[in-house]
């Protein structure tokens, strides 16, 4: 399809999207942060919001805070008694994220936890989440998925970001020199092999894997 940017812009105009404040946070991240291209983006946020609205989700786990865009966008779609728990090991960048959350009436729904996500997740075993969004260390995706499945509510959904790695996982020249590409390719193969999971991969931005227990 020609002009994918134009098509995405058209889709966004026809969709519910995050607030202007959230868009500003996303634009700043893309323009100023060296890894800004990794941000989930408005169309992904709209899809997450669709799940939240459709299923009346209230409890969300966000593995990988980064600059706080995904946490804020999901918080905006939650009801007043909803909550987003977000995990990241970088306290410095989280201070930046909070500067935007504090400007939003929905920021109060966000709780930030710090540390290695594999360890922090161990402390959440007494909680249940309706939606788990995974967008952190690619080499740990399998571990994050295993934790997420244990923490997932009965009708919960797991959404995993960046599973296409700019399409490199779909090429014939695997394995790649990029370790993250190899890690994602292995993760995708693992999810495919799980007969107990219902899964759909979507080519939205850098790829989303939607995963649910059968």
N, C-alpha and C. Protein backbone atom coordinates (compact mmCIF):
# COMPACT_ATOMS: atom_id res chain seq x y z
N UNK A 1 0.85 -1.20 0.00
CA UNK A 1 0.00 0.00 0.00
C UNK A 1 0.88 1.24 0.00
N UNK A 2 0.55 2.19 -0.86
CA UNK A 2 1.35 3.39 -0.96
C UNK A 2 1.06 4.36 0.17
N UNK A 3 2.08 5.10 0.54
CA UNK A 3 1.96 6.18 1.52
C UNK A 3 1.33 5.71 2.84
N UNK A 4 2.05 4.86 3.54
CA UNK A 4 1.54 4.31 4.79
C UNK A 4 1.33 5.39 5.85
N UNK A 5 2.16 6.43 5.83
CA UNK A 5 1.99 7.51 6.79
C UNK A 5 0.66 8.22 6.59
N UNK A 6 0.28 8.43 5.34
CA UNK A 6 -0.99 9.07 5.03
C UNK A 6 -2.15 8.18 5.48
N UNK A 7 -2.01 6.87 5.28
CA UNK A 7 -3.05 5.93 5.69
C UNK A 7 -3.19 5.93 7.21
N UNK A 8 -2.05 5.93 7.92
CA UNK A 8 -2.12 5.95 9.39
C UNK A 8 -2.76 7.24 9.88
N UNK A 9 -2.42 8.35 9.26
CA UNK A 9 -3.01 9.64 9.64
C UNK A 9 -4.53 9.61 9.44
N UNK A 10 -4.96 9.01 8.35
CA UNK A 10 -6.40 8.88 8.08
C UNK A 10 -7.07 8.03 9.17
N UNK A 11 -6.42 6.91 9.51
CA UNK A 11 -6.96 6.02 10.55
C UNK A 11 -7.09 6.75 11.88
N UNK A 12 -6.08 7.54 12.22
CA UNK A 12 -6.11 8.28 13.48
C UNK A 12 -7.25 9.28 13.52
N UNK A 13 -7.53 9.92 12.39
CA UNK A 13 -8.62 10.90 12.33
C UNK A 13 -9.97 10.24 12.56
N UNK A 14 -10.05 8.96 12.26
CA UNK A 14 -11.31 8.23 12.40
C UNK A 14 -11.39 7.44 13.70
N UNK A 15 -10.42 7.63 14.58
CA UNK A 15 -10.33 6.82 15.80
C UNK A 15 -10.32 7.70 17.05
N UNK A 16 -10.66 7.07 18.19
CA UNK A 16 -10.45 7.73 19.48
C UNK A 16 -8.96 7.68 19.77
N UNK A 17 -8.40 8.81 20.15
CA UNK A 17 -6.96 8.89 20.38
C UNK A 17 -6.67 9.55 21.73
N UNK A 18 -5.43 9.46 22.21
CA UNK A 18 -5.07 10.09 23.49
C UNK A 18 -5.23 11.60 23.45
N UNK A 19 -5.14 12.21 24.62
CA UNK A 19 -5.29 13.66 24.76
C UNK A 19 -4.15 14.42 24.09
N UNK A 20 -4.33 15.72 23.93
CA UNK A 20 -3.30 16.56 23.35
C UNK A 20 -2.05 16.54 24.21
N UNK A 21 -2.22 16.50 25.54
CA UNK A 21 -1.07 16.42 26.45
C UNK A 21 -0.28 15.15 26.19
N UNK A 22 -0.97 14.04 26.00
CA UNK A 22 -0.29 12.77 25.74
C UNK A 22 0.42 12.81 24.39
N UNK A 23 -0.22 13.42 23.41
CA UNK A 23 0.40 13.57 22.09
C UNK A 23 1.67 14.40 22.20
N UNK A 24 1.62 15.46 23.00
CA UNK A 24 2.81 16.29 23.21
C UNK A 24 3.94 15.49 23.82
N UNK A 25 3.61 14.64 24.79
CA UNK A 25 4.60 13.78 25.42
C UNK A 25 5.21 12.83 24.38
N UNK A 26 4.36 12.27 23.53
CA UNK A 26 4.84 11.37 22.50
C UNK A 26 5.73 12.08 21.49
N UNK A 27 5.32 13.28 21.08
CA UNK A 27 6.12 14.05 20.11
C UNK A 27 7.47 14.43 20.69
N UNK A 28 7.47 14.84 21.96
CA UNK A 28 8.73 15.22 22.61
C UNK A 28 9.67 14.01 22.67
N UNK A 29 9.11 12.86 23.01
CA UNK A 29 9.91 11.64 23.10
C UNK A 29 10.54 11.30 21.75
N UNK A 30 9.72 11.36 20.70
CA UNK A 30 10.21 11.02 19.36
C UNK A 30 11.27 12.01 18.86
N UNK A 31 11.10 13.28 19.24
CA UNK A 31 12.01 14.33 18.76
C UNK A 31 13.31 14.42 19.57
N UNK A 32 13.24 14.15 20.87
CA UNK A 32 14.36 14.44 21.76
C UNK A 32 15.09 13.22 22.31
N UNK A 33 14.41 12.10 22.39
CA UNK A 33 15.05 10.92 23.00
C UNK A 33 15.69 10.07 21.93
N UNK A 34 16.94 9.59 22.15
CA UNK A 34 17.62 8.77 21.14
C UNK A 34 16.89 7.48 20.79
N UNK A 35 16.04 7.01 21.69
CA UNK A 35 15.24 5.80 21.42
C UNK A 35 13.77 6.16 21.23
N UNK A 36 13.52 7.39 20.84
CA UNK A 36 12.16 7.87 20.70
C UNK A 36 11.32 7.09 19.71
N UNK A 37 11.97 6.45 18.74
CA UNK A 37 11.24 5.67 17.75
C UNK A 37 10.57 4.45 18.37
N UNK A 38 10.95 4.12 19.59
CA UNK A 38 10.39 2.94 20.25
C UNK A 38 9.03 3.21 20.91
N UNK A 39 8.62 4.47 20.96
CA UNK A 39 7.36 4.80 21.62
C UNK A 39 6.20 4.10 20.92
N UNK A 40 5.19 3.72 21.69
CA UNK A 40 4.10 2.92 21.14
C UNK A 40 3.28 3.67 20.09
N UNK A 41 2.98 4.94 20.30
CA UNK A 41 2.27 5.71 19.29
C UNK A 41 0.76 5.75 19.46
N UNK A 42 0.14 6.70 18.77
CA UNK A 42 -1.29 6.98 18.95
C UNK A 42 -2.20 5.85 18.50
N UNK A 43 -1.86 5.18 17.40
CA UNK A 43 -2.73 4.11 16.92
C UNK A 43 -2.71 2.92 17.86
N UNK A 44 -1.55 2.62 18.41
CA UNK A 44 -1.45 1.56 19.42
C UNK A 44 -2.24 1.96 20.66
N UNK A 45 -2.10 3.22 21.08
CA UNK A 45 -2.84 3.71 22.25
C UNK A 45 -4.34 3.61 22.02
N UNK A 46 -4.78 3.91 20.80
CA UNK A 46 -6.20 3.82 20.49
C UNK A 46 -6.69 2.37 20.60
N UNK A 47 -5.89 1.43 20.11
CA UNK A 47 -6.27 0.01 20.20
C UNK A 47 -6.34 -0.44 21.66
N UNK A 48 -5.37 -0.04 22.46
CA UNK A 48 -5.40 -0.38 23.89
C UNK A 48 -6.63 0.22 24.55
N UNK A 49 -6.94 1.46 24.18
CA UNK A 49 -8.14 2.10 24.70
C UNK A 49 -9.41 1.36 24.30
N UNK A 50 -9.41 0.80 23.09
CA UNK A 50 -10.56 0.02 22.62
C UNK A 50 -10.78 -1.20 23.52
N UNK A 51 -9.69 -1.91 23.84
CA UNK A 51 -9.80 -3.06 24.73
C UNK A 51 -10.33 -2.65 26.10
N UNK A 52 -9.80 -1.55 26.61
CA UNK A 52 -10.21 -1.06 27.92
C UNK A 52 -11.70 -0.73 27.94
N UNK A 53 -12.15 -0.03 26.89
CA UNK A 53 -13.56 0.37 26.80
C UNK A 53 -14.47 -0.82 26.56
N UNK A 54 -14.06 -1.72 25.66
CA UNK A 54 -14.89 -2.88 25.31
C UNK A 54 -15.15 -3.79 26.50
N UNK A 55 -14.11 -4.04 27.28
CA UNK A 55 -14.20 -5.02 28.37
C UNK A 55 -14.34 -4.39 29.75
N UNK A 56 -14.42 -3.06 29.79
CA UNK A 56 -14.53 -2.32 31.05
C UNK A 56 -13.39 -2.69 32.00
N UNK A 57 -12.19 -2.71 31.44
CA UNK A 57 -11.02 -3.03 32.25
C UNK A 57 -10.77 -1.93 33.28
N UNK A 58 -10.19 -2.35 34.41
CA UNK A 58 -9.87 -1.39 35.48
C UNK A 58 -8.42 -1.48 35.95
N UNK A 59 -7.82 -2.65 35.84
CA UNK A 59 -6.47 -2.85 36.35
C UNK A 59 -5.50 -3.21 35.23
N UNK A 60 -4.48 -2.36 35.07
CA UNK A 60 -3.55 -2.52 33.96
C UNK A 60 -2.12 -2.60 34.47
N UNK A 61 -1.33 -3.47 33.85
CA UNK A 61 0.10 -3.57 34.15
C UNK A 61 0.88 -3.16 32.91
N UNK A 62 1.75 -2.20 33.08
CA UNK A 62 2.55 -1.65 31.98
C UNK A 62 4.02 -1.98 32.26
N UNK A 63 4.56 -2.97 31.56
CA UNK A 63 5.95 -3.39 31.78
C UNK A 63 6.85 -2.62 30.81
N UNK A 64 7.51 -1.60 31.33
CA UNK A 64 8.35 -0.73 30.52
C UNK A 64 7.76 0.67 30.44
N UNK A 65 8.08 1.52 31.40
CA UNK A 65 7.48 2.86 31.46
C UNK A 65 8.01 3.78 30.38
N UNK A 66 9.34 3.75 30.16
CA UNK A 66 10.01 4.66 29.23
C UNK A 66 9.68 6.10 29.63
N UNK A 67 9.15 6.93 28.74
CA UNK A 67 8.85 8.32 29.11
C UNK A 67 7.42 8.48 29.62
N UNK A 68 6.71 7.38 29.81
CA UNK A 68 5.39 7.45 30.44
C UNK A 68 4.22 7.60 29.50
N UNK A 69 4.47 7.52 28.18
CA UNK A 69 3.41 7.73 27.20
C UNK A 69 2.33 6.65 27.29
N UNK A 70 2.73 5.39 27.26
CA UNK A 70 1.74 4.31 27.26
C UNK A 70 0.93 4.30 28.55
N UNK A 71 1.60 4.54 29.68
CA UNK A 71 0.89 4.56 30.96
C UNK A 71 -0.16 5.67 30.99
N UNK A 72 0.20 6.85 30.52
CA UNK A 72 -0.74 7.97 30.53
C UNK A 72 -1.88 7.74 29.55
N UNK A 73 -1.55 7.25 28.37
CA UNK A 73 -2.62 7.03 27.38
C UNK A 73 -3.63 6.01 27.87
N UNK A 74 -3.17 4.94 28.52
CA UNK A 74 -4.10 3.94 29.05
C UNK A 74 -4.88 4.48 30.23
N UNK A 75 -4.24 5.26 31.08
CA UNK A 75 -4.92 5.86 32.22
C UNK A 75 -6.07 6.75 31.77
N UNK A 76 -5.88 7.44 30.65
CA UNK A 76 -6.91 8.33 30.13
C UNK A 76 -8.17 7.58 29.73
N UNK A 77 -8.03 6.34 29.31
CA UNK A 77 -9.18 5.54 28.89
C UNK A 77 -9.84 4.79 30.05
N UNK A 78 -9.19 4.75 31.20
CA UNK A 78 -9.72 4.03 32.35
C UNK A 78 -10.81 4.82 33.06
N UNK A 79 -11.72 4.12 33.76
CA UNK A 79 -12.69 4.82 34.60
C UNK A 79 -11.96 5.45 35.79
N UNK A 80 -12.68 6.26 36.55
CA UNK A 80 -12.06 6.99 37.65
C UNK A 80 -11.43 6.07 38.69
N UNK A 81 -11.99 4.88 38.88
CA UNK A 81 -11.44 3.96 39.88
C UNK A 81 -10.46 2.96 39.25
N UNK A 82 -10.02 3.25 38.02
CA UNK A 82 -9.05 2.38 37.37
C UNK A 82 -7.63 2.69 37.80
N UNK A 83 -6.71 1.77 37.48
CA UNK A 83 -5.32 1.96 37.92
C UNK A 83 -4.34 1.32 36.94
N UNK A 84 -3.24 2.02 36.70
CA UNK A 84 -2.13 1.51 35.90
C UNK A 84 -0.91 1.38 36.79
N UNK A 85 -0.38 0.18 36.90
CA UNK A 85 0.91 -0.02 37.58
C UNK A 85 1.96 -0.15 36.48
N UNK A 86 2.95 0.71 36.51
CA UNK A 86 3.98 0.71 35.47
C UNK A 86 5.35 0.46 36.08
N UNK A 87 6.17 -0.30 35.38
CA UNK A 87 7.47 -0.74 35.92
C UNK A 87 8.61 -0.28 35.01
N UNK A 88 9.65 0.27 35.63
CA UNK A 88 10.85 0.63 34.89
C UNK A 88 12.01 0.73 35.89
N UNK A 89 13.22 0.47 35.42
CA UNK A 89 14.37 0.55 36.31
C UNK A 89 15.04 1.92 36.29
N UNK A 90 14.61 2.78 35.39
CA UNK A 90 15.23 4.10 35.22
C UNK A 90 14.44 5.17 35.97
N UNK A 91 14.88 5.52 37.16
CA UNK A 91 14.17 6.53 37.95
C UNK A 91 14.30 7.92 37.35
N UNK A 92 15.43 8.18 36.71
CA UNK A 92 15.66 9.51 36.14
C UNK A 92 14.64 9.82 35.06
N UNK A 93 14.45 8.89 34.13
CA UNK A 93 13.51 9.14 33.05
C UNK A 93 12.08 9.13 33.57
N UNK A 94 11.86 8.41 34.68
CA UNK A 94 10.52 8.38 35.27
C UNK A 94 10.16 9.74 35.86
N UNK A 95 11.16 10.48 36.33
CA UNK A 95 10.91 11.83 36.82
C UNK A 95 10.35 12.70 35.70
N UNK A 96 10.89 12.51 34.50
CA UNK A 96 10.36 13.22 33.33
C UNK A 96 8.92 12.78 33.05
N UNK A 97 8.67 11.47 33.11
CA UNK A 97 7.32 10.96 32.87
C UNK A 97 6.32 11.58 33.84
N UNK A 98 6.71 11.65 35.10
CA UNK A 98 5.81 12.17 36.14
C UNK A 98 5.50 13.65 35.92
N UNK A 99 6.42 14.37 35.30
CA UNK A 99 6.17 15.79 35.05
C UNK A 99 4.98 15.97 34.11
N UNK A 100 4.75 14.98 33.24
CA UNK A 100 3.57 15.02 32.37
C UNK A 100 2.35 14.44 33.08
N UNK A 101 2.54 13.35 33.81
CA UNK A 101 1.41 12.77 34.53
C UNK A 101 0.79 13.77 35.49
N UNK A 102 1.63 14.58 36.12
CA UNK A 102 1.14 15.55 37.11
C UNK A 102 0.29 16.65 36.46
N UNK A 103 0.44 16.83 35.15
CA UNK A 103 -0.36 17.84 34.44
C UNK A 103 -1.73 17.30 34.04
N UNK A 104 -1.90 16.00 34.17
CA UNK A 104 -3.13 15.35 33.72
C UNK A 104 -4.02 14.97 34.89
N UNK A 105 -5.34 15.12 34.75
CA UNK A 105 -6.25 14.66 35.80
C UNK A 105 -6.25 13.14 35.94
N UNK A 106 -5.67 12.46 34.95
CA UNK A 106 -5.63 10.99 34.98
C UNK A 106 -4.32 10.46 35.57
N UNK A 107 -3.39 11.36 35.83
CA UNK A 107 -2.10 10.94 36.38
C UNK A 107 -2.23 10.25 37.72
N UNK A 108 -3.28 10.57 38.48
CA UNK A 108 -3.49 9.97 39.80
C UNK A 108 -3.78 8.47 39.71
N UNK A 109 -4.10 8.00 38.52
CA UNK A 109 -4.40 6.57 38.34
C UNK A 109 -3.13 5.74 38.13
N UNK A 110 -1.98 6.42 38.02
CA UNK A 110 -0.73 5.73 37.68
C UNK A 110 0.14 5.54 38.91
N UNK A 111 0.61 4.32 39.12
CA UNK A 111 1.56 4.02 40.19
C UNK A 111 2.84 3.48 39.55
N UNK A 112 3.96 4.15 39.81
CA UNK A 112 5.24 3.75 39.22
C UNK A 112 6.04 2.90 40.20
N UNK A 113 6.51 1.75 39.73
CA UNK A 113 7.38 0.88 40.50
C UNK A 113 8.74 0.82 39.80
N UNK A 114 9.80 0.68 40.60
CA UNK A 114 11.16 0.74 40.03
C UNK A 114 11.94 -0.53 40.31
N UNK A 115 12.81 -0.85 39.35
CA UNK A 115 13.69 -2.01 39.52
C UNK A 115 13.62 -2.91 38.31
N UNK A 116 14.38 -4.00 38.37
CA UNK A 116 14.35 -5.01 37.32
C UNK A 116 12.94 -5.61 37.29
N UNK A 117 12.28 -5.53 36.14
CA UNK A 117 10.89 -5.98 36.04
C UNK A 117 10.73 -7.43 36.46
N UNK A 118 11.72 -8.28 36.17
CA UNK A 118 11.62 -9.69 36.56
C UNK A 118 11.50 -9.84 38.07
N UNK A 119 12.15 -8.95 38.82
CA UNK A 119 12.08 -9.00 40.27
C UNK A 119 10.83 -8.29 40.80
N UNK A 120 10.50 -7.16 40.19
CA UNK A 120 9.31 -6.41 40.63
C UNK A 120 8.05 -7.24 40.42
N UNK A 121 8.00 -7.97 39.33
CA UNK A 121 6.82 -8.78 39.05
C UNK A 121 6.59 -9.84 40.12
N UNK A 122 7.66 -10.30 40.75
CA UNK A 122 7.54 -11.28 41.83
C UNK A 122 6.72 -10.72 43.00
N UNK A 123 6.76 -9.40 43.17
CA UNK A 123 6.06 -8.76 44.28
C UNK A 123 4.59 -8.50 43.98
N UNK A 124 4.15 -8.82 42.77
CA UNK A 124 2.77 -8.53 42.36
C UNK A 124 1.91 -9.79 42.26
N UNK A 125 2.41 -10.90 42.79
CA UNK A 125 1.72 -12.18 42.62
C UNK A 125 0.35 -12.23 43.29
N UNK A 126 0.06 -11.30 44.19
CA UNK A 126 -1.24 -11.28 44.86
C UNK A 126 -2.25 -10.39 44.13
N UNK A 127 -1.86 -9.87 42.96
CA UNK A 127 -2.74 -8.97 42.21
C UNK A 127 -3.18 -9.61 40.90
N UNK A 128 -4.23 -9.03 40.32
CA UNK A 128 -4.77 -9.52 39.06
C UNK A 128 -4.93 -8.34 38.10
N UNK A 129 -4.59 -8.55 36.83
CA UNK A 129 -4.63 -7.46 35.86
C UNK A 129 -5.48 -7.86 34.64
N UNK A 130 -6.24 -6.90 34.15
CA UNK A 130 -7.11 -7.12 33.00
C UNK A 130 -6.36 -6.96 31.69
N UNK A 131 -5.36 -6.11 31.71
CA UNK A 131 -4.57 -5.84 30.51
C UNK A 131 -3.11 -5.71 30.91
N UNK A 132 -2.24 -6.42 30.22
CA UNK A 132 -0.80 -6.32 30.46
C UNK A 132 -0.15 -5.87 29.15
N UNK A 133 0.54 -4.74 29.20
CA UNK A 133 1.23 -4.21 28.03
C UNK A 133 2.72 -4.39 28.24
N UNK A 134 3.35 -5.16 27.36
CA UNK A 134 4.78 -5.48 27.48
C UNK A 134 5.57 -4.71 26.43
N UNK A 135 6.45 -3.85 26.90
CA UNK A 135 7.29 -3.05 25.99
C UNK A 135 8.56 -2.67 26.74
N UNK A 136 9.39 -3.66 26.99
CA UNK A 136 10.61 -3.43 27.78
C UNK A 136 11.76 -4.23 27.15
N UNK A 137 12.67 -4.71 27.99
CA UNK A 137 13.84 -5.46 27.53
C UNK A 137 13.42 -6.66 26.67
N UNK A 138 13.82 -6.66 25.41
CA UNK A 138 13.36 -7.68 24.47
C UNK A 138 13.84 -9.08 24.85
N UNK A 139 15.03 -9.16 25.44
CA UNK A 139 15.55 -10.46 25.83
C UNK A 139 14.78 -11.11 26.97
N UNK A 140 13.96 -10.32 27.66
CA UNK A 140 13.19 -10.83 28.80
C UNK A 140 11.71 -11.03 28.46
N UNK A 141 11.37 -10.88 27.21
CA UNK A 141 9.95 -10.98 26.83
C UNK A 141 9.31 -12.30 27.26
N UNK A 142 10.02 -13.41 27.11
CA UNK A 142 9.44 -14.69 27.48
C UNK A 142 9.15 -14.73 28.98
N UNK A 143 10.09 -14.23 29.79
CA UNK A 143 9.87 -14.19 31.24
C UNK A 143 8.69 -13.30 31.59
N UNK A 144 8.62 -12.12 30.91
CA UNK A 144 7.51 -11.21 31.17
C UNK A 144 6.18 -11.87 30.83
N UNK A 145 6.16 -12.61 29.73
CA UNK A 145 4.93 -13.29 29.33
C UNK A 145 4.50 -14.32 30.37
N UNK A 146 5.45 -15.09 30.87
CA UNK A 146 5.11 -16.11 31.88
C UNK A 146 4.53 -15.47 33.13
N UNK A 147 5.13 -14.37 33.57
CA UNK A 147 4.60 -13.64 34.72
C UNK A 147 3.21 -13.10 34.40
N UNK A 148 3.07 -12.50 33.23
CA UNK A 148 1.80 -11.89 32.84
C UNK A 148 0.66 -12.91 32.83
N UNK A 149 0.94 -14.10 32.36
CA UNK A 149 -0.09 -15.14 32.32
C UNK A 149 -0.54 -15.52 33.72
N UNK A 150 0.38 -15.50 34.67
CA UNK A 150 0.02 -15.80 36.06
C UNK A 150 -0.81 -14.69 36.69
N UNK A 151 -0.58 -13.46 36.24
CA UNK A 151 -1.25 -12.30 36.84
C UNK A 151 -2.52 -11.90 36.10
N UNK A 152 -2.81 -12.54 34.99
CA UNK A 152 -3.90 -12.13 34.11
C UNK A 152 -5.27 -12.55 34.67
N UNK A 153 -6.22 -11.63 34.61
CA UNK A 153 -7.59 -11.94 35.02
C UNK A 153 -8.23 -12.89 34.02
N UNK A 154 -9.39 -13.41 34.36
CA UNK A 154 -10.04 -14.44 33.55
C UNK A 154 -10.22 -14.02 32.09
N UNK A 155 -10.64 -12.78 31.87
CA UNK A 155 -10.88 -12.30 30.50
C UNK A 155 -9.80 -11.31 30.06
N UNK A 156 -8.66 -11.39 30.71
CA UNK A 156 -7.59 -10.44 30.43
C UNK A 156 -6.87 -10.69 29.11
N UNK A 157 -6.17 -9.65 28.65
CA UNK A 157 -5.43 -9.70 27.39
C UNK A 157 -4.01 -9.19 27.62
N UNK A 158 -3.06 -9.83 26.96
CA UNK A 158 -1.66 -9.38 26.98
C UNK A 158 -1.36 -8.80 25.60
N UNK A 159 -0.78 -7.61 25.59
CA UNK A 159 -0.38 -6.98 24.33
C UNK A 159 1.12 -6.76 24.38
N UNK A 160 1.84 -7.34 23.42
CA UNK A 160 3.30 -7.26 23.38
C UNK A 160 3.70 -6.38 22.20
N UNK A 161 4.51 -5.36 22.46
CA UNK A 161 4.90 -4.39 21.44
C UNK A 161 6.25 -4.75 20.81
N UNK A 162 6.49 -4.19 19.63
CA UNK A 162 7.77 -4.31 18.92
C UNK A 162 8.13 -5.75 18.54
N UNK A 163 7.14 -6.51 18.08
CA UNK A 163 7.41 -7.91 17.76
C UNK A 163 7.78 -8.14 16.30
N UNK A 164 7.89 -7.06 15.51
CA UNK A 164 8.32 -7.20 14.12
C UNK A 164 9.73 -6.68 13.87
N UNK A 165 10.20 -5.80 14.77
CA UNK A 165 11.55 -5.25 14.65
C UNK A 165 11.79 -4.73 13.23
N UNK A 166 10.91 -3.82 12.83
CA UNK A 166 10.99 -3.21 11.50
C UNK A 166 10.94 -4.25 10.38
N UNK A 167 10.28 -5.36 10.64
CA UNK A 167 10.12 -6.41 9.64
C UNK A 167 11.28 -7.38 9.55
N UNK A 168 12.32 -7.15 10.35
CA UNK A 168 13.51 -7.99 10.22
C UNK A 168 13.29 -9.43 10.66
N UNK A 169 12.32 -9.66 11.55
CA UNK A 169 12.05 -11.04 11.98
C UNK A 169 11.41 -11.86 10.86
N UNK A 170 10.88 -11.19 9.85
CA UNK A 170 10.20 -11.89 8.76
C UNK A 170 11.09 -12.15 7.56
N UNK A 171 12.35 -11.75 7.63
CA UNK A 171 13.26 -11.93 6.50
C UNK A 171 13.91 -13.31 6.53
N UNK A 172 14.55 -13.65 5.44
CA UNK A 172 15.18 -14.96 5.32
C UNK A 172 16.57 -15.02 5.94
N UNK A 173 17.15 -13.84 6.25
CA UNK A 173 18.52 -13.83 6.74
C UNK A 173 18.58 -13.84 8.27
N UNK A 174 17.88 -14.79 8.88
CA UNK A 174 17.96 -14.98 10.31
C UNK A 174 18.95 -16.11 10.60
N UNK A 175 19.68 -16.10 11.71
CA UNK A 175 19.61 -15.07 12.74
C UNK A 175 20.29 -13.76 12.33
N UNK A 176 19.99 -12.73 13.07
CA UNK A 176 20.50 -11.40 12.76
C UNK A 176 21.70 -11.07 13.64
N UNK A 177 22.46 -10.09 13.22
CA UNK A 177 23.56 -9.60 14.06
C UNK A 177 23.01 -8.81 15.25
N UNK A 178 21.77 -8.38 15.14
CA UNK A 178 21.12 -7.64 16.21
C UNK A 178 20.50 -8.64 17.20
N UNK A 179 21.01 -8.67 18.42
CA UNK A 179 20.54 -9.63 19.41
C UNK A 179 19.06 -9.45 19.74
N UNK A 180 18.59 -8.20 19.70
CA UNK A 180 17.19 -7.96 20.03
C UNK A 180 16.27 -8.57 18.97
N UNK A 181 16.72 -8.56 17.71
CA UNK A 181 15.93 -9.16 16.64
C UNK A 181 15.85 -10.67 16.85
N UNK A 182 16.97 -11.28 17.18
CA UNK A 182 16.98 -12.72 17.45
C UNK A 182 16.09 -13.07 18.64
N UNK A 183 16.15 -12.23 19.68
CA UNK A 183 15.35 -12.49 20.88
C UNK A 183 13.86 -12.42 20.55
N UNK A 184 13.47 -11.44 19.75
CA UNK A 184 12.06 -11.31 19.38
C UNK A 184 11.62 -12.46 18.48
N UNK A 185 12.48 -12.85 17.55
CA UNK A 185 12.15 -13.98 16.67
C UNK A 185 11.92 -15.24 17.48
N UNK A 186 12.77 -15.48 18.47
CA UNK A 186 12.62 -16.65 19.34
C UNK A 186 11.34 -16.54 20.18
N UNK A 187 11.05 -15.34 20.66
CA UNK A 187 9.84 -15.13 21.44
C UNK A 187 8.60 -15.41 20.60
N UNK A 188 8.57 -14.88 19.38
CA UNK A 188 7.43 -15.09 18.50
C UNK A 188 7.22 -16.58 18.21
N UNK A 189 8.31 -17.30 18.00
CA UNK A 189 8.22 -18.74 17.75
C UNK A 189 7.67 -19.46 18.98
N UNK A 190 8.10 -19.00 20.15
CA UNK A 190 7.64 -19.62 21.39
C UNK A 190 6.13 -19.43 21.57
N UNK A 191 5.66 -18.20 21.35
CA UNK A 191 4.23 -17.93 21.49
C UNK A 191 3.44 -18.77 20.49
N UNK A 192 3.95 -18.85 19.26
CA UNK A 192 3.28 -19.65 18.23
C UNK A 192 3.14 -21.11 18.65
N UNK A 193 4.14 -21.61 19.38
CA UNK A 193 4.15 -23.02 19.77
C UNK A 193 3.20 -23.34 20.92
N UNK A 194 2.68 -22.32 21.58
CA UNK A 194 1.82 -22.53 22.74
C UNK A 194 0.38 -22.77 22.30
N UNK A 195 -0.05 -24.02 22.34
CA UNK A 195 -1.41 -24.36 21.94
C UNK A 195 -2.46 -23.92 22.95
N UNK A 196 -2.02 -23.56 24.15
CA UNK A 196 -2.96 -23.14 25.18
C UNK A 196 -3.29 -21.65 25.09
N UNK A 197 -2.69 -20.96 24.11
CA UNK A 197 -2.89 -19.53 23.98
C UNK A 197 -3.60 -19.22 22.66
N UNK A 198 -4.48 -18.22 22.72
CA UNK A 198 -5.06 -17.68 21.49
C UNK A 198 -4.27 -16.42 21.18
N UNK A 199 -3.74 -16.34 19.97
CA UNK A 199 -2.85 -15.22 19.66
C UNK A 199 -3.09 -14.69 18.26
N UNK A 200 -2.92 -13.38 18.13
CA UNK A 200 -3.03 -12.70 16.84
C UNK A 200 -1.93 -11.65 16.76
N UNK A 201 -1.14 -11.70 15.69
CA UNK A 201 -0.10 -10.68 15.49
C UNK A 201 -0.60 -9.67 14.47
N UNK A 202 -0.45 -8.40 14.81
CA UNK A 202 -0.91 -7.32 13.95
C UNK A 202 0.27 -6.47 13.47
N UNK A 203 0.29 -6.10 12.19
CA UNK A 203 1.38 -5.25 11.68
C UNK A 203 1.11 -3.76 11.91
N UNK A 204 0.75 -3.41 13.12
CA UNK A 204 0.55 -2.01 13.49
C UNK A 204 1.86 -1.47 14.03
N UNK A 205 2.33 -0.36 13.46
CA UNK A 205 3.64 0.20 13.78
C UNK A 205 4.72 -0.89 13.71
N UNK A 206 5.37 -1.19 14.83
CA UNK A 206 6.44 -2.19 14.81
C UNK A 206 5.95 -3.56 15.23
N UNK A 207 4.65 -3.78 15.13
CA UNK A 207 4.10 -5.10 15.40
C UNK A 207 3.57 -5.26 16.82
N UNK A 208 2.37 -5.77 16.92
CA UNK A 208 1.75 -6.08 18.21
C UNK A 208 1.35 -7.55 18.23
N UNK A 209 1.61 -8.21 19.34
CA UNK A 209 1.16 -9.59 19.53
C UNK A 209 0.06 -9.56 20.59
N UNK A 210 -1.14 -9.94 20.22
CA UNK A 210 -2.27 -10.01 21.15
C UNK A 210 -2.38 -11.45 21.64
N UNK A 211 -2.36 -11.63 22.95
CA UNK A 211 -2.29 -12.97 23.52
C UNK A 211 -3.32 -13.11 24.64
N UNK A 212 -4.01 -14.23 24.62
CA UNK A 212 -5.02 -14.53 25.64
C UNK A 212 -5.04 -16.01 25.90
N UNK A 213 -5.34 -16.40 27.12
CA UNK A 213 -5.51 -17.82 27.40
C UNK A 213 -6.76 -18.34 26.67
N UNK A 214 -6.67 -19.57 26.19
CA UNK A 214 -7.84 -20.20 25.58
C UNK A 214 -8.83 -20.58 26.65
